[in-house]
Amino acid sequence: MGTSLTPEFWERFAVLLVVAIGVTCVLTASFDALAVRLLRRRVRRQPEQVGAASTVADHRASVHT
């Protein structure tokens, strides 16, 4: 009892496949851009802290204002 795959099925399958590939590419590019932006932001902040002597107090937020 096999079912035959109609041309309508293949058309719908092709459309959904192209949409899925497009969404995957857009999401991948978006997450890649976000990762690069975060890495660049992190690299920019590192040189400022290289020259300073690091102590435990430098890393803690002040409780008193």
C-alpha atoms as a PDB file:
ATOM      1  CA  MET A   1       0.000   0.000   0.000  1.00  0.00           C
ATOM      2  CA  GLY A   2       2.458   2.632  -1.130  1.00  0.00           C
ATOM      3  CA  THR A   3       1.448   6.204  -1.644  1.00  0.00           C
ATOM      4  CA  SER A   4       2.524   8.121  -4.683  1.00  0.00           C
ATOM      5  CA  LEU A   5       4.215  11.447  -4.163  1.00  0.00           C
ATOM      6  CA  THR A   6       2.367  14.024  -6.187  1.00  0.00           C
ATOM      7  CA  PRO A   7       3.894  17.020  -7.958  1.00  0.00           C
ATOM      8  CA  GLU A   8       2.155  19.231  -5.395  1.00  0.00           C
ATOM      9  CA  PHE A   9       4.072  17.467  -2.614  1.00  0.00           C
ATOM     10  CA  TRP A  10       7.414  17.989  -4.369  1.00  0.00           C
ATOM     11  CA  GLU A  11       6.626  21.648  -5.008  1.00  0.00           C
ATOM     12  CA  ARG A  12       5.731  22.229  -1.366  1.00  0.00           C
ATOM     13  CA  PHE A  13       8.784  20.250  -0.253  1.00  0.00           C
ATOM     14  CA  ALA A  14      11.081  22.355  -2.444  1.00  0.00           C
ATOM     15  CA  VAL A  15       9.594  25.618  -1.150  1.00  0.00           C
ATOM     16  CA  LEU A  16       9.931  24.549   2.485  1.00  0.00           C
ATOM     17  CA  LEU A  17      13.487  23.336   1.891  1.00  0.00           C
ATOM     18  CA  VAL A  18      14.511  26.672   0.355  1.00  0.00           C
ATOM     19  CA  VAL A  19      12.839  28.582   3.212  1.00  0.00           C
ATOM     20  CA  ALA A  20      14.593  26.405   5.812  1.00  0.00           C
ATOM     21  CA  ILE A  21      17.972  26.937   4.127  1.00  0.00           C
ATOM     22  CA  GLY A  22      17.350  30.691   3.965  1.00  0.00           C
ATOM     23  CA  VAL A  23      16.369  30.926   7.634  1.00  0.00           C
ATOM     24  CA  THR A  24      19.409  28.871   8.614  1.00  0.00           C
ATOM     25  CA  CYS A  25      21.750  31.142   6.647  1.00  0.00           C
ATOM     26  CA  VAL A  26      20.229  34.322   8.091  1.00  0.00           C
ATOM     27  CA  LEU A  27      20.393  33.029  11.669  1.00  0.00           C
ATOM     28  CA  THR A  28      23.960  31.809  11.203  1.00  0.00           C
ATOM     29  CA  ALA A  29      25.053  35.178   9.823  1.00  0.00           C
ATOM     30  CA  SER A  30      23.275  37.018  12.654  1.00  0.00           C
ATOM     31  CA  PHE A  31      24.842  34.913  15.400  1.00  0.00           C
ATOM     32  CA  ASP A  32      28.242  35.172  13.713  1.00  0.00           C
ATOM     33  CA  ALA A  33      27.981  38.968  13.589  1.00  0.00           C
ATOM     34  CA  LEU A  34      26.928  39.027  17.240  1.00  0.00           C
ATOM     35  CA  ALA A  35      29.878  36.840  18.249  1.00  0.00           C
ATOM     36  CA  VAL A  36      32.331  39.030  16.319  1.00  0.00           C
ATOM     37  CA  ARG A  37      30.863  42.165  17.895  1.00  0.00           C
ATOM     38  CA  LEU A  38      31.208  40.698  21.392  1.00  0.00           C
ATOM     39  CA  LEU A  39      34.785  39.586  20.737  1.00  0.00           C
ATOM     40  CA  ARG A  40      35.744  43.022  19.401  1.00  0.00           C
ATOM     41  CA  ARG A  41      34.197  44.696  22.427  1.00  0.00           C
ATOM     42  CA  ARG A  42      36.114  42.352  24.733  1.00  0.00           C
ATOM     43  CA  VAL A  43      39.409  42.974  22.883  1.00  0.00           C
ATOM     44  CA  ARG A  44      38.918  46.736  23.119  1.00  0.00           C
ATOM     45  CA  ARG A  45      38.574  46.580  26.895  1.00  0.00           C
ATOM     46  CA  GLN A  46      41.606  44.352  27.527  1.00  0.00           C
ATOM     47  CA  PRO A  47      44.405  46.841  26.659  1.00  0.00           C
ATOM     48  CA  GLU A  48      43.056  49.306  29.224  1.00  0.00           C
ATOM     49  CA  GLN A  49      43.469  46.754  32.007  1.00  0.00           C
ATOM     50  CA  VAL A  50      46.903  45.453  30.919  1.00  0.00           C
ATOM     51  CA  GLY A  51      48.878  48.403  32.323  1.00  0.00           C
ATOM     52  CA  ALA A  52      47.037  48.585  35.617  1.00  0.00           C
ATOM     53  CA  ALA A  53      47.994  46.413  38.561  1.00  0.00           C
ATOM     54  CA  SER A  54      45.196  43.967  39.117  1.00  0.00           C
ATOM     55  CA  THR A  55      43.944  43.476  42.628  1.00  0.00           C
ATOM     56  CA  VAL A  56      40.881  41.882  44.080  1.00  0.00           C
ATOM     57  CA  ALA A  57      39.471  45.320  44.875  1.00  0.00           C
ATOM     58  CA  ASP A  58      39.569  46.268  41.166  1.00  0.00           C
ATOM     59  CA  HIS A  59      37.127  43.523  40.302  1.00  0.00           C
ATOM     60  CA  ARG A  60      34.560  44.172  43.025  1.00  0.00           C
ATOM     61  CA  ALA A  61      31.765  46.674  42.731  1.00  0.00           C
ATOM     62  CA  SER A  62      31.552  49.298  45.420  1.00  0.00           C
ATOM     63  CA  VAL A  63      28.716  48.789  47.871  1.00  0.00           C
ATOM     64  CA  HIS A  64      28.941  52.318  49.235  1.00  0.00           C
ATOM     65  CA  THR A  65      27.912  55.212  47.071  1.00  0.00           C
END
